[in-house]
Amino acid sequence: MIAERPKKFPLGQILATPSAMEALRQANQSAADFLLRHATGDWGELSSVDRRQNELALVQGERILSAYRTVQGCRLWIITEADRSATTIVLPEDY
């Protein structure tokens, strides 16, 4: 049995833009898979500077950003608000 990695922070209300949902649908991928990666500290395709910023944000209660790609190469951002009240899946061009 594989142990699940612990979540590092609460996601709050989960939201997604229509274009992000369409990208997930076209790739036949689940938002839940990306959300789990985000919540467990797998920040995806971020620079080392942005990764360090996320680690600091965990301690200081700031906004957290992860970046991923669907199997079709569409880039997704997942953003958790500083107060952890909401997490939103967006395409970069939606932001």
N, C-alpha and C. Protein backbone atom coordinates (compact mmCIF):
# COMPACT_ATOMS: atom_id res chain seq x y z
N MET A 1 0.84 -1.19 0.00
CA MET A 1 0.00 0.00 0.00
C MET A 1 0.88 1.25 0.00
N ILE A 2 0.54 2.20 -0.82
CA ILE A 2 1.30 3.45 -0.93
C ILE A 2 0.67 4.48 -0.01
N ALA A 3 1.49 5.07 0.85
CA ALA A 3 0.99 6.09 1.77
C ALA A 3 0.77 7.41 1.03
N GLU A 4 -0.34 8.04 1.33
CA GLU A 4 -0.65 9.34 0.74
C GLU A 4 0.19 10.42 1.42
N ARG A 5 0.74 11.32 0.63
CA ARG A 5 1.51 12.43 1.20
C ARG A 5 0.55 13.36 1.92
N PRO A 6 0.97 13.87 3.08
CA PRO A 6 0.08 14.77 3.83
C PRO A 6 -0.09 16.12 3.12
N LYS A 7 -1.27 16.67 3.26
CA LYS A 7 -1.53 17.99 2.69
C LYS A 7 -0.85 19.05 3.56
N LYS A 8 -0.29 20.06 2.91
CA LYS A 8 0.45 21.10 3.61
C LYS A 8 -0.42 22.28 4.02
N PHE A 9 -1.61 22.41 3.42
CA PHE A 9 -2.48 23.54 3.70
C PHE A 9 -3.89 23.22 3.21
N PRO A 10 -4.91 23.89 3.76
CA PRO A 10 -6.28 23.68 3.29
C PRO A 10 -6.50 24.41 1.96
N LEU A 11 -7.33 23.86 1.13
CA LEU A 11 -7.62 24.46 -0.17
C LEU A 11 -8.79 25.43 -0.13
N GLY A 12 -9.65 25.32 0.87
CA GLY A 12 -10.85 26.16 0.91
C GLY A 12 -11.81 25.76 -0.19
N GLN A 13 -12.61 26.71 -0.64
CA GLN A 13 -13.57 26.47 -1.73
C GLN A 13 -12.79 26.27 -3.03
N ILE A 14 -13.16 25.25 -3.78
CA ILE A 14 -12.50 24.96 -5.06
C ILE A 14 -13.29 25.62 -6.19
N LEU A 15 -12.57 26.40 -6.99
CA LEU A 15 -13.16 27.11 -8.13
C LEU A 15 -12.33 26.82 -9.38
N ALA A 16 -12.93 27.01 -10.54
CA ALA A 16 -12.20 26.86 -11.80
C ALA A 16 -12.85 27.71 -12.86
N THR A 17 -12.04 28.26 -13.73
CA THR A 17 -12.59 29.03 -14.84
C THR A 17 -13.14 28.04 -15.87
N PRO A 18 -14.10 28.48 -16.68
CA PRO A 18 -14.64 27.59 -17.72
C PRO A 18 -13.55 27.08 -18.68
N SER A 19 -12.60 27.93 -19.02
CA SER A 19 -11.55 27.49 -19.95
C SER A 19 -10.63 26.46 -19.31
N ALA A 20 -10.38 26.55 -18.02
CA ALA A 20 -9.56 25.55 -17.33
C ALA A 20 -10.31 24.22 -17.30
N MET A 21 -11.60 24.26 -17.02
CA MET A 21 -12.40 23.04 -17.01
C MET A 21 -12.44 22.40 -18.40
N GLU A 22 -12.53 23.21 -19.43
CA GLU A 22 -12.53 22.69 -20.79
C GLU A 22 -11.18 22.05 -21.13
N ALA A 23 -10.09 22.66 -20.71
CA ALA A 23 -8.77 22.08 -20.95
C ALA A 23 -8.63 20.73 -20.27
N LEU A 24 -9.13 20.61 -19.05
CA LEU A 24 -9.10 19.34 -18.33
C LEU A 24 -9.98 18.30 -19.04
N ARG A 25 -11.14 18.72 -19.50
CA ARG A 25 -12.05 17.82 -20.22
C ARG A 25 -11.39 17.30 -21.49
N GLN A 26 -10.79 18.21 -22.27
CA GLN A 26 -10.15 17.82 -23.52
C GLN A 26 -8.98 16.86 -23.29
N ALA A 27 -8.30 17.02 -22.16
CA ALA A 27 -7.16 16.15 -21.83
C ALA A 27 -7.62 14.87 -21.12
N ASN A 28 -8.92 14.80 -20.80
CA ASN A 28 -9.47 13.66 -20.07
C ASN A 28 -8.72 13.46 -18.74
N GLN A 29 -8.48 14.58 -18.04
CA GLN A 29 -7.80 14.56 -16.75
C GLN A 29 -8.69 15.17 -15.68
N SER A 30 -8.44 14.76 -14.46
CA SER A 30 -9.24 15.20 -13.33
C SER A 30 -8.59 16.39 -12.63
N ALA A 31 -9.39 17.37 -12.28
CA ALA A 31 -8.89 18.49 -11.49
C ALA A 31 -8.36 17.99 -10.16
N ALA A 32 -8.97 16.95 -9.62
CA ALA A 32 -8.56 16.42 -8.31
C ALA A 32 -7.10 16.00 -8.29
N ASP A 33 -6.61 15.44 -9.38
CA ASP A 33 -5.21 15.02 -9.43
C ASP A 33 -4.26 16.21 -9.28
N PHE A 34 -4.57 17.29 -9.97
CA PHE A 34 -3.74 18.50 -9.89
C PHE A 34 -3.88 19.16 -8.52
N LEU A 35 -5.09 19.18 -7.98
CA LEU A 35 -5.32 19.77 -6.67
C LEU A 35 -4.56 19.02 -5.58
N LEU A 36 -4.50 17.70 -5.67
CA LEU A 36 -3.76 16.91 -4.70
C LEU A 36 -2.27 17.23 -4.77
N ARG A 37 -1.74 17.32 -5.96
CA ARG A 37 -0.33 17.69 -6.13
C ARG A 37 -0.06 19.05 -5.49
N HIS A 38 -0.92 20.00 -5.77
CA HIS A 38 -0.79 21.36 -5.23
C HIS A 38 -0.81 21.33 -3.70
N ALA A 39 -1.78 20.66 -3.12
CA ALA A 39 -1.97 20.66 -1.66
C ALA A 39 -0.85 19.93 -0.92
N THR A 40 -0.15 19.02 -1.62
CA THR A 40 0.93 18.29 -0.96
C THR A 40 2.31 18.89 -1.23
N GLY A 41 2.34 20.04 -1.91
CA GLY A 41 3.60 20.74 -2.10
C GLY A 41 4.36 20.38 -3.35
N ASP A 42 3.72 19.68 -4.29
CA ASP A 42 4.32 19.44 -5.61
C ASP A 42 3.91 20.65 -6.46
N TRP A 43 4.78 21.62 -6.56
CA TRP A 43 4.44 22.90 -7.19
C TRP A 43 4.46 22.84 -8.71
N GLY A 44 4.84 21.71 -9.29
CA GLY A 44 4.81 21.59 -10.74
C GLY A 44 5.97 22.29 -11.41
N GLU A 45 5.67 23.01 -12.47
CA GLU A 45 6.67 23.65 -13.33
C GLU A 45 6.96 25.08 -12.88
N LEU A 46 7.55 25.22 -11.69
CA LEU A 46 7.92 26.54 -11.18
C LEU A 46 9.43 26.65 -11.09
N SER A 47 9.92 27.88 -11.17
CA SER A 47 11.35 28.12 -10.98
C SER A 47 11.72 27.87 -9.51
N SER A 48 12.99 27.74 -9.25
CA SER A 48 13.44 27.53 -7.87
C SER A 48 13.07 28.73 -7.00
N VAL A 49 13.07 29.92 -7.55
CA VAL A 49 12.68 31.13 -6.81
C VAL A 49 11.20 31.05 -6.42
N ASP A 50 10.35 30.67 -7.36
CA ASP A 50 8.92 30.55 -7.08
C ASP A 50 8.63 29.42 -6.10
N ARG A 51 9.40 28.34 -6.18
CA ARG A 51 9.24 27.24 -5.22
C ARG A 51 9.57 27.71 -3.81
N ARG A 52 10.66 28.45 -3.67
CA ARG A 52 11.03 28.99 -2.35
C ARG A 52 9.96 29.95 -1.85
N GLN A 53 9.40 30.75 -2.74
CA GLN A 53 8.33 31.68 -2.36
C GLN A 53 7.13 30.92 -1.82
N ASN A 54 6.77 29.80 -2.45
CA ASN A 54 5.67 28.99 -1.96
C ASN A 54 5.96 28.43 -0.58
N GLU A 55 7.18 27.95 -0.36
CA GLU A 55 7.54 27.41 0.95
C GLU A 55 7.44 28.50 2.02
N LEU A 56 7.86 29.71 1.68
CA LEU A 56 7.75 30.84 2.59
C LEU A 56 6.28 31.20 2.81
N ALA A 57 5.49 31.13 1.76
CA ALA A 57 4.06 31.45 1.85
C ALA A 57 3.33 30.51 2.80
N LEU A 58 3.79 29.26 2.88
CA LEU A 58 3.19 28.31 3.81
C LEU A 58 3.33 28.80 5.25
N VAL A 59 4.47 29.38 5.56
CA VAL A 59 4.76 29.85 6.92
C VAL A 59 4.13 31.21 7.19
N GLN A 60 4.17 32.09 6.20
CA GLN A 60 3.72 33.47 6.38
C GLN A 60 2.26 33.70 6.00
N GLY A 61 1.59 32.67 5.51
CA GLY A 61 0.18 32.82 5.17
C GLY A 61 -0.05 33.68 3.94
N GLU A 62 0.76 33.48 2.91
CA GLU A 62 0.61 34.23 1.66
C GLU A 62 0.01 33.34 0.58
N ARG A 63 -0.26 33.93 -0.57
CA ARG A 63 -0.83 33.21 -1.71
C ARG A 63 0.14 32.14 -2.21
N ILE A 64 -0.40 31.00 -2.65
CA ILE A 64 0.40 29.88 -3.15
C ILE A 64 0.01 29.61 -4.60
N LEU A 65 1.02 29.45 -5.45
CA LEU A 65 0.81 29.22 -6.88
C LEU A 65 1.53 27.96 -7.32
N SER A 66 0.85 27.12 -8.07
CA SER A 66 1.47 25.97 -8.74
C SER A 66 1.18 26.06 -10.22
N ALA A 67 2.05 25.47 -11.03
CA ALA A 67 1.87 25.47 -12.49
C ALA A 67 2.06 24.05 -13.02
N TYR A 68 1.14 23.60 -13.83
CA TYR A 68 1.18 22.25 -14.38
C TYR A 68 0.82 22.30 -15.86
N ARG A 69 1.00 21.17 -16.53
CA ARG A 69 0.56 21.01 -17.91
C ARG A 69 -0.31 19.75 -18.00
N THR A 70 -1.37 19.86 -18.78
CA THR A 70 -2.18 18.68 -19.05
C THR A 70 -1.39 17.77 -20.00
N VAL A 71 -1.89 16.57 -20.22
CA VAL A 71 -1.21 15.66 -21.15
C VAL A 71 -1.20 16.21 -22.57
N GLN A 72 -2.07 17.17 -22.84
CA GLN A 72 -2.09 17.80 -24.17
C GLN A 72 -1.23 19.06 -24.20
N GLY A 73 -0.53 19.36 -23.11
CA GLY A 73 0.39 20.49 -23.09
C GLY A 73 -0.21 21.82 -22.69
N CYS A 74 -1.48 21.83 -22.31
CA CYS A 74 -2.12 23.08 -21.89
C CYS A 74 -1.65 23.43 -20.48
N ARG A 75 -1.20 24.64 -20.31
CA ARG A 75 -0.69 25.09 -19.01
C ARG A 75 -1.84 25.49 -18.09
N LEU A 76 -1.79 25.01 -16.84
CA LEU A 76 -2.76 25.34 -15.80
C LEU A 76 -2.05 25.98 -14.62
N TRP A 77 -2.67 26.96 -14.03
CA TRP A 77 -2.21 27.49 -12.76
C TRP A 77 -3.24 27.12 -11.70
N ILE A 78 -2.76 26.80 -10.51
CA ILE A 78 -3.62 26.62 -9.35
C ILE A 78 -3.17 27.61 -8.31
N ILE A 79 -4.10 28.44 -7.85
CA ILE A 79 -3.78 29.52 -6.92
C ILE A 79 -4.64 29.38 -5.67
N THR A 80 -3.98 29.29 -4.52
CA THR A 80 -4.68 29.29 -3.24
C THR A 80 -4.50 30.65 -2.61
N GLU A 81 -5.60 31.25 -2.20
CA GLU A 81 -5.58 32.58 -1.60
C GLU A 81 -4.82 32.57 -0.28
N ALA A 82 -4.31 33.73 0.10
CA ALA A 82 -3.52 33.86 1.32
C ALA A 82 -4.27 33.40 2.57
N ASP A 83 -5.56 33.67 2.62
CA ASP A 83 -6.35 33.27 3.79
C ASP A 83 -6.85 31.84 3.70
N ARG A 84 -6.47 31.12 2.63
CA ARG A 84 -6.83 29.72 2.39
C ARG A 84 -8.33 29.50 2.25
N SER A 85 -9.04 30.57 1.90
CA SER A 85 -10.50 30.46 1.75
C SER A 85 -10.90 29.85 0.41
N ALA A 86 -10.02 29.92 -0.59
CA ALA A 86 -10.37 29.43 -1.92
C ALA A 86 -9.12 29.06 -2.70
N THR A 87 -9.30 28.09 -3.58
CA THR A 87 -8.26 27.68 -4.53
C THR A 87 -8.92 27.67 -5.90
N THR A 88 -8.24 28.30 -6.87
CA THR A 88 -8.80 28.45 -8.20
C THR A 88 -7.88 27.85 -9.25
N ILE A 89 -8.45 27.09 -10.16
CA ILE A 89 -7.72 26.54 -11.31
C ILE A 89 -8.00 27.47 -12.48
N VAL A 90 -6.94 27.99 -13.08
CA VAL A 90 -7.09 28.94 -14.19
C VAL A 90 -6.06 28.62 -15.27
N LEU A 91 -6.32 29.09 -16.46
CA LEU A 91 -5.29 29.13 -17.49
C LEU A 91 -4.56 30.45 -17.30
N PRO A 92 -3.26 30.51 -17.58
CA PRO A 92 -2.52 31.77 -17.40
C PRO A 92 -3.18 32.95 -18.11
N GLU A 93 -3.76 32.70 -19.29
CA GLU A 93 -4.39 33.82 -20.02
C GLU A 93 -5.69 34.28 -19.37
N ASP A 94 -6.24 33.48 -18.45
CA ASP A 94 -7.45 33.90 -17.71
C ASP A 94 -7.12 34.84 -16.57
N TYR A 95 -5.87 34.81 -16.13
CA TYR A 95 -5.49 35.52 -14.92
C TYR A 95 -5.33 37.00 -15.15
